[in-house]
All heavy atoms as atom14 arrays in JSON, in Angstrom:
{
  "sequence": "IGDSICEDDKMELALDILMQAKAKGVQVHIPVDVVAANKFSNDAETQV",
  "atom14_mask": [
    [1, 1, 1, 1, 1, 1, 1, 1, 0, 0, 0, 0, 0, 0],
    [1, 1, 1, 1, 0, 0, 0, 0, 0, 0, 0, 0, 0, 0],
    [1, 1, 1, 1, 1, 1, 1, 1, 0, 0, 0, 0, 0, 0],
    [1, 1, 1, 1, 1, 1, 0, 0, 0, 0, 0, 0, 0, 0],
    [1, 1, 1, 1, 1, 1, 1, 1, 0, 0, 0, 0, 0, 0],
    [1, 1, 1, 1, 1, 1, 0, 0, 0, 0, 0, 0, 0, 0],
    [1, 1, 1, 1, 1, 1, 1, 1, 1, 0, 0, 0, 0, 0],
    [1, 1, 1, 1, 1, 1, 1, 1, 0, 0, 0, 0, 0, 0],
    [1, 1, 1, 1, 1, 1, 1, 1, 0, 0, 0, 0, 0, 0],
    [1, 1, 1, 1, 1, 1, 1, 1, 1, 0, 0, 0, 0, 0],
    [1, 1, 1, 1, 1, 1, 1, 1, 0, 0, 0, 0, 0, 0],
    [1, 1, 1, 1, 1, 1, 1, 1, 1, 0, 0, 0, 0, 0],
    [1, 1, 1, 1, 1, 1, 1, 1, 0, 0, 0, 0, 0, 0],
    [1, 1, 1, 1, 1, 0, 0, 0, 0, 0, 0, 0, 0, 0],
    [1, 1, 1, 1, 1, 1, 1, 1, 0, 0, 0, 0, 0, 0],
    [1, 1, 1, 1, 1, 1, 1, 1, 0, 0, 0, 0, 0, 0],
    [1, 1, 1, 1, 1, 1, 1, 1, 0, 0, 0, 0, 0, 0],
    [1, 1, 1, 1, 1, 1, 1, 1, 0, 0, 0, 0, 0, 0],
    [1, 1, 1, 1, 1, 1, 1, 1, 0, 0, 0, 0, 0, 0],
    [1, 1, 1, 1, 1, 1, 1, 1, 1, 0, 0, 0, 0, 0],
    [1, 1, 1, 1, 1, 0, 0, 0, 0, 0, 0, 0, 0, 0],
    [1, 1, 1, 1, 1, 1, 1, 1, 1, 0, 0, 0, 0, 0],
    [1, 1, 1, 1, 1, 0, 0, 0, 0, 0, 0, 0, 0, 0],
    [1, 1, 1, 1, 1, 1, 1, 1, 1, 0, 0, 0, 0, 0],
    [1, 1, 1, 1, 0, 0, 0, 0, 0, 0, 0, 0, 0, 0],
    [1, 1, 1, 1, 1, 1, 1, 0, 0, 0, 0, 0, 0, 0],
    [1, 1, 1, 1, 1, 1, 1, 1, 1, 0, 0, 0, 0, 0],
    [1, 1, 1, 1, 1, 1, 1, 0, 0, 0, 0, 0, 0, 0],
    [1, 1, 1, 1, 1, 1, 1, 1, 1, 1, 0, 0, 0, 0],
    [1, 1, 1, 1, 1, 1, 1, 1, 0, 0, 0, 0, 0, 0],
    [1, 1, 1, 1, 1, 1, 1, 0, 0, 0, 0, 0, 0, 0],
    [1, 1, 1, 1, 1, 1, 1, 0, 0, 0, 0, 0, 0, 0],
    [1, 1, 1, 1, 1, 1, 1, 1, 0, 0, 0, 0, 0, 0],
    [1, 1, 1, 1, 1, 1, 1, 0, 0, 0, 0, 0, 0, 0],
    [1, 1, 1, 1, 1, 1, 1, 0, 0, 0, 0, 0, 0, 0],
    [1, 1, 1, 1, 1, 0, 0, 0, 0, 0, 0, 0, 0, 0],
    [1, 1, 1, 1, 1, 0, 0, 0, 0, 0, 0, 0, 0, 0],
    [1, 1, 1, 1, 1, 1, 1, 1, 0, 0, 0, 0, 0, 0],
    [1, 1, 1, 1, 1, 1, 1, 1, 1, 0, 0, 0, 0, 0],
    [1, 1, 1, 1, 1, 1, 1, 1, 1, 1, 1, 0, 0, 0],
    [1, 1, 1, 1, 1, 1, 0, 0, 0, 0, 0, 0, 0, 0],
    [1, 1, 1, 1, 1, 1, 1, 1, 0, 0, 0, 0, 0, 0],
    [1, 1, 1, 1, 1, 1, 1, 1, 0, 0, 0, 0, 0, 0],
    [1, 1, 1, 1, 1, 0, 0, 0, 0, 0, 0, 0, 0, 0],
    [1, 1, 1, 1, 1, 1, 1, 1, 1, 0, 0, 0, 0, 0],
    [1, 1, 1, 1, 1, 1, 1, 0, 0, 0, 0, 0, 0, 0],
    [1, 1, 1, 1, 1, 1, 1, 1, 1, 0, 0, 0, 0, 0],
    [1, 1, 1, 1, 1, 1, 1, 0, 0, 0, 0, 0, 0, 0]
  ],
  "atom14_positions": [
    [[0.82, -1.23, -0.01], [0.01, 0.01, 0.0], [0.87, 1.27, -0.01], [0.33, 2.38, 0.19], [-0.97, 0.02, 1.18], [-0.22, -0.05, 2.53], [-1.99, -1.14, 1.09], [-1.09, 0.34, 3.75], [0.0, 0.0, 0.0], [0.0, 0.0, 0.0], [0.0, 0.0, 0.0], [0.0, 0.0, 0.0], [0.0, 0.0, 0.0], [0.0, 0.0, 0.0]],
    [[2.17, 1.12, -0.21], [3.02, 2.3, -0.27], [2.93, 3.1, 1.03], [3.03, 2.53, 2.12], [0.0, 0.0, 0.0], [0.0, 0.0, 0.0], [0.0, 0.0, 0.0], [0.0, 0.0, 0.0], [0.0, 0.0, 0.0], [0.0, 0.0, 0.0], [0.0, 0.0, 0.0], [0.0, 0.0, 0.0], [0.0, 0.0, 0.0], [0.0, 0.0, 0.0]],
    [[2.71, 4.43, 0.9], [2.65, 5.29, 2.06], [1.17, 5.58, 2.46], [0.92, 6.57, 3.16], [3.35, 6.64, 1.79], [4.85, 6.43, 1.65], [5.31, 5.3, 1.86], [5.56, 7.44, 1.34], [0.0, 0.0, 0.0], [0.0, 0.0, 0.0], [0.0, 0.0, 0.0], [0.0, 0.0, 0.0], [0.0, 0.0, 0.0], [0.0, 0.0, 0.0]],
    [[0.25, 4.77, 2.01], [-1.16, 5.03, 2.31], [-1.44, 4.86, 3.78], [-0.75, 4.12, 4.49], [-2.07, 4.03, 1.53], [-1.8, 4.1, 0.16], [0.0, 0.0, 0.0], [0.0, 0.0, 0.0], [0.0, 0.0, 0.0], [0.0, 0.0, 0.0], [0.0, 0.0, 0.0], [0.0, 0.0, 0.0], [0.0, 0.0, 0.0], [0.0, 0.0, 0.0]],
    [[-2.47, 5.56, 4.25], [-2.9, 5.48, 5.65], [-3.28, 4.03, 6.01], [-3.85, 3.34, 5.17], [-4.09, 6.46, 5.88], [-4.52, 6.52, 7.32], [-5.28, 6.06, 5.0], [-5.59, 7.57, 7.58], [0.0, 0.0, 0.0], [0.0, 0.0, 0.0], [0.0, 0.0, 0.0], [0.0, 0.0, 0.0], [0.0, 0.0, 0.0], [0.0, 0.0, 0.0]],
    [[-2.94, 3.59, 7.21], [-3.22, 2.22, 7.58], [-3.21, 2.09, 9.09], [-2.35, 2.65, 9.76], [-2.21, 1.27, 6.99], [-2.5, -0.47, 7.42], [0.0, 0.0, 0.0], [0.0, 0.0, 0.0], [0.0, 0.0, 0.0], [0.0, 0.0, 0.0], [0.0, 0.0, 0.0], [0.0, 0.0, 0.0], [0.0, 0.0, 0.0], [0.0, 0.0, 0.0]],
    [[-4.15, 1.34, 9.64], [-4.13, 1.01, 11.07], [-3.58, -0.39, 11.22], [-4.29, -1.38, 11.16], [-5.55, 1.05, 11.65], [-6.16, 2.45, 11.73], [-7.6, 2.42, 12.2], [-8.47, 2.08, 11.41], [-7.86, 2.76, 13.39], [0.0, 0.0, 0.0], [0.0, 0.0, 0.0], [0.0, 0.0, 0.0], [0.0, 0.0, 0.0], [0.0, 0.0, 0.0]],
    [[-2.29, -0.49, 11.45], [-1.6, -1.81, 11.52], [-2.23, -2.69, 12.62], [-2.31, -3.88, 12.47], [-0.14, -1.62, 11.78], [0.58, -1.09, 10.49], [0.01, -1.25, 9.41], [1.71, -0.61, 10.57], [0.0, 0.0, 0.0], [0.0, 0.0, 0.0], [0.0, 0.0, 0.0], [0.0, 0.0, 0.0], [0.0, 0.0, 0.0], [0.0, 0.0, 0.0]],
    [[-2.62, -2.03, 13.73], [-3.15, -2.82, 14.84], [-4.58, -3.31, 14.59], [-5.17, -3.99, 15.45], [-3.1, -1.99, 16.13], [-3.91, -0.71, 16.04], [-4.09, -0.19, 14.93], [-4.39, -0.23, 17.11], [0.0, 0.0, 0.0], [0.0, 0.0, 0.0], [0.0, 0.0, 0.0], [0.0, 0.0, 0.0], [0.0, 0.0, 0.0], [0.0, 0.0, 0.0]],
    [[-5.16, -2.92, 13.48], [-6.53, -3.35, 13.14], [-6.59, -4.36, 11.96], [-7.66, -4.7, 11.48], [-7.42, -2.15, 12.82], [-7.62, -1.19, 14.01], [-8.52, -1.77, 15.03], [-8.72, -0.86, 16.21], [-7.58, -0.73, 17.1], [0.0, 0.0, 0.0], [0.0, 0.0, 0.0], [0.0, 0.0, 0.0], [0.0, 0.0, 0.0], [0.0, 0.0, 0.0]],
    [[-5.41, -4.81, 11.53], [-5.4, -5.68, 10.34], [-6.07, -7.01, 10.64], [-6.77, -7.55, 9.83], [-3.94, -5.89, 9.86], [-3.39, -4.6, 9.31], [-1.96, -4.8, 8.19], [-0.78, -5.64, 9.24], [0.0, 0.0, 0.0], [0.0, 0.0, 0.0], [0.0, 0.0, 0.0], [0.0, 0.0, 0.0], [0.0, 0.0, 0.0], [0.0, 0.0, 0.0]],
    [[-5.84, -7.52, 11.82], [-6.46, -8.8, 12.24], [-8.01, -8.67, 12.22], [-8.73, -9.56, 11.81], [-5.94, -9.21, 13.58], [-5.86, -10.74, 13.77], [-5.06, -11.13, 14.99], [-3.87, -10.72, 15.06], [-5.62, -11.82, 15.88], [0.0, 0.0, 0.0], [0.0, 0.0, 0.0], [0.0, 0.0, 0.0], [0.0, 0.0, 0.0], [0.0, 0.0, 0.0]],
    [[-8.41, -7.52, 12.74], [-9.83, -7.2, 12.83], [-10.43, -7.16, 11.39], [-11.53, -7.69, 11.15], [-10.03, -5.83, 13.5], [-11.4, -5.38, 13.87], [-12.02, -6.33, 14.91], [-11.35, -3.97, 14.48], [0.0, 0.0, 0.0], [0.0, 0.0, 0.0], [0.0, 0.0, 0.0], [0.0, 0.0, 0.0], [0.0, 0.0, 0.0], [0.0, 0.0, 0.0]],
    [[-9.7, -6.56, 10.47], [-10.16, -6.47, 9.09], [-10.37, -7.87, 8.51], [-11.39, -8.14, 7.86], [-9.17, -5.69, 8.28], [0.0, 0.0, 0.0], [0.0, 0.0, 0.0], [0.0, 0.0, 0.0], [0.0, 0.0, 0.0], [0.0, 0.0, 0.0], [0.0, 0.0, 0.0], [0.0, 0.0, 0.0], [0.0, 0.0, 0.0], [0.0, 0.0, 0.0]],
    [[-9.43, -8.77, 8.76], [-9.55, -10.15, 8.27], [-10.72, -10.83, 8.92], [-11.48, -11.63, 8.25], [-8.25, -10.92, 8.54], [-7.03, -10.48, 7.73], [-5.76, -11.21, 8.2], [-7.23, -10.62, 6.24], [0.0, 0.0, 0.0], [0.0, 0.0, 0.0], [0.0, 0.0, 0.0], [0.0, 0.0, 0.0], [0.0, 0.0, 0.0], [0.0, 0.0, 0.0]],
    [[-10.94, -10.55, 10.2], [-12.06, -11.15, 10.92], [-13.4, -10.68, 10.32], [-14.33, -11.48, 10.22], [-11.97, -10.76, 12.43], [-13.0, -11.48, 13.28], [-13.14, -12.7, 13.11], [-13.73, -10.82, 14.06], [0.0, 0.0, 0.0], [0.0, 0.0, 0.0], [0.0, 0.0, 0.0], [0.0, 0.0, 0.0], [0.0, 0.0, 0.0], [0.0, 0.0, 0.0]],
    [[-13.47, -9.42, 9.99], [-14.71, -8.87, 9.39], [-14.99, -9.6, 8.05], [-16.1, -9.97, 7.75], [-14.56, -7.32, 9.09], [-14.59, -6.57, 10.44], [-15.65, -6.81, 8.18], [-14.18, -5.1, 10.33], [0.0, 0.0, 0.0], [0.0, 0.0, 0.0], [0.0, 0.0, 0.0], [0.0, 0.0, 0.0], [0.0, 0.0, 0.0], [0.0, 0.0, 0.0]],
    [[-13.94, -9.8, 7.26], [-14.09, -10.51, 5.97], [-14.61, -11.93, 6.19], [-15.45, -12.42, 5.46], [-12.77, -10.5, 5.15], [-12.28, -9.11, 4.72], [-10.92, -9.22, 4.07], [-13.27, -8.47, 3.77], [0.0, 0.0, 0.0], [0.0, 0.0, 0.0], [0.0, 0.0, 0.0], [0.0, 0.0, 0.0], [0.0, 0.0, 0.0], [0.0, 0.0, 0.0]],
    [[-14.08, -12.59, 7.24], [-14.53, -13.96, 7.53], [-15.97, -13.99, 8.01], [-16.78, -14.82, 7.58], [-13.63, -14.57, 8.63], [-12.33, -15.17, 8.05], [-11.19, -15.66, 9.36], [-12.19, -16.88, 10.24], [0.0, 0.0, 0.0], [0.0, 0.0, 0.0], [0.0, 0.0, 0.0], [0.0, 0.0, 0.0], [0.0, 0.0, 0.0], [0.0, 0.0, 0.0]],
    [[-16.32, -13.01, 8.89], [-17.72, -12.93, 9.37], [-18.68, -12.69, 8.22], [-19.73, -13.29, 8.1], [-17.86, -11.78, 10.35], [-17.34, -12.03, 11.74], [-17.7, -10.85, 12.65], [-18.86, -10.41, 12.76], [-16.68, -10.31, 13.36], [0.0, 0.0, 0.0], [0.0, 0.0, 0.0], [0.0, 0.0, 0.0], [0.0, 0.0, 0.0], [0.0, 0.0, 0.0]],
    [[-18.27, -11.78, 7.3], [-19.12, -11.44, 6.18], [-19.35, -12.67, 5.27], [-20.46, -12.97, 4.87], [-18.47, -10.34, 5.34], [0.0, 0.0, 0.0], [0.0, 0.0, 0.0], [0.0, 0.0, 0.0], [0.0, 0.0, 0.0], [0.0, 0.0, 0.0], [0.0, 0.0, 0.0], [0.0, 0.0, 0.0], [0.0, 0.0, 0.0], [0.0, 0.0, 0.0]],
    [[-18.27, -13.39, 5.06], [-18.36, -14.62, 4.22], [-19.32, -15.64, 4.86], [-20.18, -16.24, 4.19], [-16.97, -15.24, 4.08], [-16.92, -16.28, 2.94], [-15.49, -16.74, 2.66], [-15.47, -17.75, 1.54], [-14.13, -18.3, 1.29], [0.0, 0.0, 0.0], [0.0, 0.0, 0.0], [0.0, 0.0, 0.0], [0.0, 0.0, 0.0], [0.0, 0.0, 0.0]],
    [[-19.17, -15.8, 6.18], [-20.01, -16.73, 6.91], [-21.48, -16.37, 6.84], [-22.38, -17.2, 6.84], [-19.55, -16.84, 8.37], [0.0, 0.0, 0.0], [0.0, 0.0, 0.0], [0.0, 0.0, 0.0], [0.0, 0.0, 0.0], [0.0, 0.0, 0.0], [0.0, 0.0, 0.0], [0.0, 0.0, 0.0], [0.0, 0.0, 0.0], [0.0, 0.0, 0.0]],
    [[-21.76, -15.07, 6.73], [-23.15, -14.59, 6.74], [-23.65, -14.37, 5.32], [-24.8, -13.88, 5.1], [-23.27, -13.28, 7.54], [-23.01, -13.45, 9.05], [-22.98, -12.07, 9.75], [-22.43, -12.17, 11.13], [-23.39, -12.57, 12.15], [0.0, 0.0, 0.0], [0.0, 0.0, 0.0], [0.0, 0.0, 0.0], [0.0, 0.0, 0.0], [0.0, 0.0, 0.0]],
    [[-22.84, -14.7, 4.37], [-23.26, -14.53, 2.94], [-23.3, -13.09, 2.48], [-24.06, -12.78, 1.54], [0.0, 0.0, 0.0], [0.0, 0.0, 0.0], [0.0, 0.0, 0.0], [0.0, 0.0, 0.0], [0.0, 0.0, 0.0], [0.0, 0.0, 0.0], [0.0, 0.0, 0.0], [0.0, 0.0, 0.0], [0.0, 0.0, 0.0], [0.0, 0.0, 0.0]],
    [[-22.52, -12.23, 3.12], [-22.5, -10.81, 2.71], [-21.33, -10.64, 1.71], [-20.22, -11.02, 2.01], [-22.29, -9.89, 3.92], [-22.16, -8.43, 3.49], [-23.39, -10.03, 4.94], [0.0, 0.0, 0.0], [0.0, 0.0, 0.0], [0.0, 0.0, 0.0], [0.0, 0.0, 0.0], [0.0, 0.0, 0.0], [0.0, 0.0, 0.0], [0.0, 0.0, 0.0]],
    [[-21.65, -10.02, 0.59], [-20.61, -9.77, -0.39], [-19.87, -8.47, -0.04], [-20.49, -7.43, 0.12], [-21.21, -9.63, -1.82], [-21.43, -10.96, -2.47], [-21.86, -10.74, -3.91], [-22.96, -10.33, -4.21], [-20.95, -11.02, -4.85], [0.0, 0.0, 0.0], [0.0, 0.0, 0.0], [0.0, 0.0, 0.0], [0.0, 0.0, 0.0], [0.0, 0.0, 0.0]],
    [[-18.56, -8.57, 0.09], [-17.75, -7.36, 0.42], [-17.09, -6.84, -0.84], [-16.48, -7.6, -1.6], [-16.68, -7.7, 1.49], [-15.89, -6.42, 1.86], [-17.36, -8.25, 2.78], [0.0, 0.0, 0.0], [0.0, 0.0, 0.0], [0.0, 0.0, 0.0], [0.0, 0.0, 0.0], [0.0, 0.0, 0.0], [0.0, 0.0, 0.0], [0.0, 0.0, 0.0]],
    [[-17.21, -5.53, -1.07], [-16.64, -4.92, -2.22], [-15.56, -3.91, -1.81], [-15.86, -2.95, -1.13], [-17.76, -4.2, -3.05], [-18.89, -5.07, -3.38], [-18.97, -5.85, -4.5], [-20.05, -5.35, -2.7], [-20.1, -6.55, -4.52], [-20.76, -6.27, -3.45], [0.0, 0.0, 0.0], [0.0, 0.0, 0.0], [0.0, 0.0, 0.0], [0.0, 0.0, 0.0]],
    [[-14.33, -4.23, -2.2], [-13.2, -3.35, -1.84], [-12.63, -2.8, -3.13], [-12.64, -3.49, -4.15], [-12.12, -4.16, -1.05], [-12.78, -4.69, 0.25], [-10.92, -3.34, -0.72], [-11.84, -5.6, 1.09], [0.0, 0.0, 0.0], [0.0, 0.0, 0.0], [0.0, 0.0, 0.0], [0.0, 0.0, 0.0], [0.0, 0.0, 0.0], [0.0, 0.0, 0.0]],
    [[-12.14, -1.55, -3.12], [-11.58, -0.97, -4.34], [-10.5, -1.89, -4.96], [-9.77, -2.53, -4.25], [-10.96, 0.33, -3.83], [-11.8, 0.74, -2.69], [-12.19, -0.55, -2.0], [0.0, 0.0, 0.0], [0.0, 0.0, 0.0], [0.0, 0.0, 0.0], [0.0, 0.0, 0.0], [0.0, 0.0, 0.0], [0.0, 0.0, 0.0], [0.0, 0.0, 0.0]],
    [[-10.48, -1.89, -6.33], [-9.48, -2.69, -7.04], [-8.37, -1.84, -7.57], [-7.26, -2.31, -7.83], [-10.1, -3.56, -8.19], [-11.02, -4.6, -7.64], [-10.86, -2.65, -9.15], [0.0, 0.0, 0.0], [0.0, 0.0, 0.0], [0.0, 0.0, 0.0], [0.0, 0.0, 0.0], [0.0, 0.0, 0.0], [0.0, 0.0, 0.0], [0.0, 0.0, 0.0]],
    [[-8.63, -0.57, -7.77], [-7.59, 0.39, -8.17], [-7.77, 1.74, -7.51], [-8.85, 2.04, -6.96], [-7.62, 0.55, -9.74], [-8.94, 1.06, -10.28], [-9.93, 1.13, -9.51], [-9.0, 1.42, -11.47], [0.0, 0.0, 0.0], [0.0, 0.0, 0.0], [0.0, 0.0, 0.0], [0.0, 0.0, 0.0], [0.0, 0.0, 0.0], [0.0, 0.0, 0.0]],
    [[-6.68, 2.5, -7.46], [-6.7, 3.77, -6.77], [-6.0, 4.84, -7.58], [-5.17, 4.52, -8.42], [-6.04, 3.69, -5.35], [-6.84, 2.89, -4.38], [-4.62, 3.19, -5.47], [0.0, 0.0, 0.0], [0.0, 0.0, 0.0], [0.0, 0.0, 0.0], [0.0, 0.0, 0.0], [0.0, 0.0, 0.0], [0.0, 0.0, 0.0], [0.0, 0.0, 0.0]],
    [[-6.35, 6.12, -7.25], [-5.54, 7.22, -7.74], [-4.51, 7.46, -6.68], [-4.84, 7.88, -5.55], [-6.44, 8.47, -7.96], [-5.58, 9.63, -8.4], [-7.52, 8.19, -8.96], [0.0, 0.0, 0.0], [0.0, 0.0, 0.0], [0.0, 0.0, 0.0], [0.0, 0.0, 0.0], [0.0, 0.0, 0.0], [0.0, 0.0, 0.0], [0.0, 0.0, 0.0]],
    [[-3.24, 7.18, -6.97], [-2.17, 7.36, -6.02], [-1.44, 8.68, -6.26], [-1.37, 9.13, -7.41], [-1.18, 6.19, -6.14], [0.0, 0.0, 0.0], [0.0, 0.0, 0.0], [0.0, 0.0, 0.0], [0.0, 0.0, 0.0], [0.0, 0.0, 0.0], [0.0, 0.0, 0.0], [0.0, 0.0, 0.0], [0.0, 0.0, 0.0], [0.0, 0.0, 0.0]],
    [[-0.98, 9.26, -5.19], [-0.3, 10.56, -5.31], [1.07, 10.47, -4.6], [1.25, 9.69, -3.67], [-1.15, 11.65, -4.58], [0.0, 0.0, 0.0], [0.0, 0.0, 0.0], [0.0, 0.0, 0.0], [0.0, 0.0, 0.0], [0.0, 0.0, 0.0], [0.0, 0.0, 0.0], [0.0, 0.0, 0.0], [0.0, 0.0, 0.0], [0.0, 0.0, 0.0]],
    [[2.0, 11.33, -5.06], [3.35, 11.28, -4.45], [3.45, 12.21, -3.23], [4.46, 12.26, -2.58], [4.42, 11.59, -5.48], [4.33, 12.99, -6.04], [3.32, 13.69, -5.83], [5.3, 13.46, -6.77], [0.0, 0.0, 0.0], [0.0, 0.0, 0.0], [0.0, 0.0, 0.0], [0.0, 0.0, 0.0], [0.0, 0.0, 0.0], [0.0, 0.0, 0.0]],
    [[2.37, 12.91, -2.92], [2.27, 13.68, -1.67], [0.84, 14.0, -1.39], [-0.04, 13.91, -2.3], [3.14, 14.97, -1.75], [2.72, 15.93, -2.85], [3.58, 17.17, -2.9], [3.16, 18.07, -4.09], [3.94, 19.32, -4.15], [0.0, 0.0, 0.0], [0.0, 0.0, 0.0], [0.0, 0.0, 0.0], [0.0, 0.0, 0.0], [0.0, 0.0, 0.0]],
    [[0.53, 14.37, -0.15], [-0.87, 14.65, 0.26], [-1.16, 16.08, -0.12], [-1.13, 17.02, 0.72], [-0.99, 14.41, 1.75], [-2.46, 14.45, 2.22], [-3.28, 13.34, 2.04], [-2.99, 15.59, 2.82], [-4.62, 13.37, 2.43], [-4.31, 15.61, 3.23], [-5.15, 14.5, 3.05], [0.0, 0.0, 0.0], [0.0, 0.0, 0.0], [0.0, 0.0, 0.0]],
    [[-1.44, 16.29, -1.4], [-1.66, 17.68, -1.87], [-2.47, 17.65, -3.15], [-2.37, 16.7, -3.95], [-0.3, 18.32, -2.09], [-0.44, 19.45, -2.93], [0.0, 0.0, 0.0], [0.0, 0.0, 0.0], [0.0, 0.0, 0.0], [0.0, 0.0, 0.0], [0.0, 0.0, 0.0], [0.0, 0.0, 0.0], [0.0, 0.0, 0.0], [0.0, 0.0, 0.0]],
    [[-3.25, 18.68, -3.38], [-4.11, 18.72, -4.57], [-3.3, 18.79, -5.87], [-3.7, 18.32, -6.9], [-5.02, 19.96, -4.48], [-6.18, 19.89, -5.48], [-6.75, 18.83, -5.7], [-6.49, 20.99, -6.11], [0.0, 0.0, 0.0], [0.0, 0.0, 0.0], [0.0, 0.0, 0.0], [0.0, 0.0, 0.0], [0.0, 0.0, 0.0], [0.0, 0.0, 0.0]],
    [[-2.04, 19.36, -5.76], [-1.22, 19.45, -6.96], [-0.13, 18.4, -7.02], [0.88, 18.57, -7.71], [-0.64, 20.89, -7.1], [0.16, 21.25, -5.87], [0.43, 20.38, -5.01], [0.52, 22.45, -5.75], [0.0, 0.0, 0.0], [0.0, 0.0, 0.0], [0.0, 0.0, 0.0], [0.0, 0.0, 0.0], [0.0, 0.0, 0.0], [0.0, 0.0, 0.0]],
    [[-0.37, 17.29, -6.32], [0.61, 16.19, -6.34], [0.6, 15.53, -7.73], [-0.35, 15.66, -8.49], [0.24, 15.15, -5.31], [0.0, 0.0, 0.0], [0.0, 0.0, 0.0], [0.0, 0.0, 0.0], [0.0, 0.0, 0.0], [0.0, 0.0, 0.0], [0.0, 0.0, 0.0], [0.0, 0.0, 0.0], [0.0, 0.0, 0.0], [0.0, 0.0, 0.0]],
    [[1.68, 14.83, -8.05], [1.67, 13.98, -9.24], [0.77, 12.79, -8.91], [0.78, 12.3, -7.8], [3.09, 13.47, -9.53], [3.99, 14.46, -10.24], [5.34, 13.82, -10.46], [5.41, 12.64, -10.97], [6.35, 14.45, -10.15], [0.0, 0.0, 0.0], [0.0, 0.0, 0.0], [0.0, 0.0, 0.0], [0.0, 0.0, 0.0], [0.0, 0.0, 0.0]],
    [[0.03, 12.31, -9.92], [-0.84, 11.17, -9.66], [-0.68, 10.05, -10.69], [-0.18, 10.32, -11.82], [-2.33, 11.57, -9.68], [-2.67, 12.08, -10.99], [-2.64, 12.66, -8.67], [0.0, 0.0, 0.0], [0.0, 0.0, 0.0], [0.0, 0.0, 0.0], [0.0, 0.0, 0.0], [0.0, 0.0, 0.0], [0.0, 0.0, 0.0], [0.0, 0.0, 0.0]],
    [[-1.0, 8.86, -10.33], [-1.07, 7.73, -11.25], [-2.14, 6.76, -10.77], [-2.41, 6.66, -9.6], [0.3, 7.05, -11.39], [0.84, 6.5, -10.08], [2.11, 5.69, -10.29], [2.23, 4.96, -11.27], [3.07, 5.8, -9.34], [0.0, 0.0, 0.0], [0.0, 0.0, 0.0], [0.0, 0.0, 0.0], [0.0, 0.0, 0.0], [0.0, 0.0, 0.0]],
    [[-2.77, 6.04, -11.71], [-3.77, 5.03, -11.33], [-3.04, 3.71, -11.26], [-2.35, 3.31, -12.19], [-4.9, 4.96, -12.37], [-5.83, 3.78, -12.04], [-5.68, 6.26, -12.4], [0.0, 0.0, 0.0], [0.0, 0.0, 0.0], [0.0, 0.0, 0.0], [0.0, 0.0, 0.0], [0.0, 0.0, 0.0], [0.0, 0.0, 0.0], [0.0, 0.0, 0.0]]
  ]
}
């Protein structure tokens, strides 16, 4: 994920949510692509 924001201490929880969703038949939709920037700024360089 490069320098993207992330809660490292919640990664296990995220996996648990995906398992619970699967068990309950809930389809989870997570982004497949992103607009990435080289800095947190409106005039940053970007790439998909």
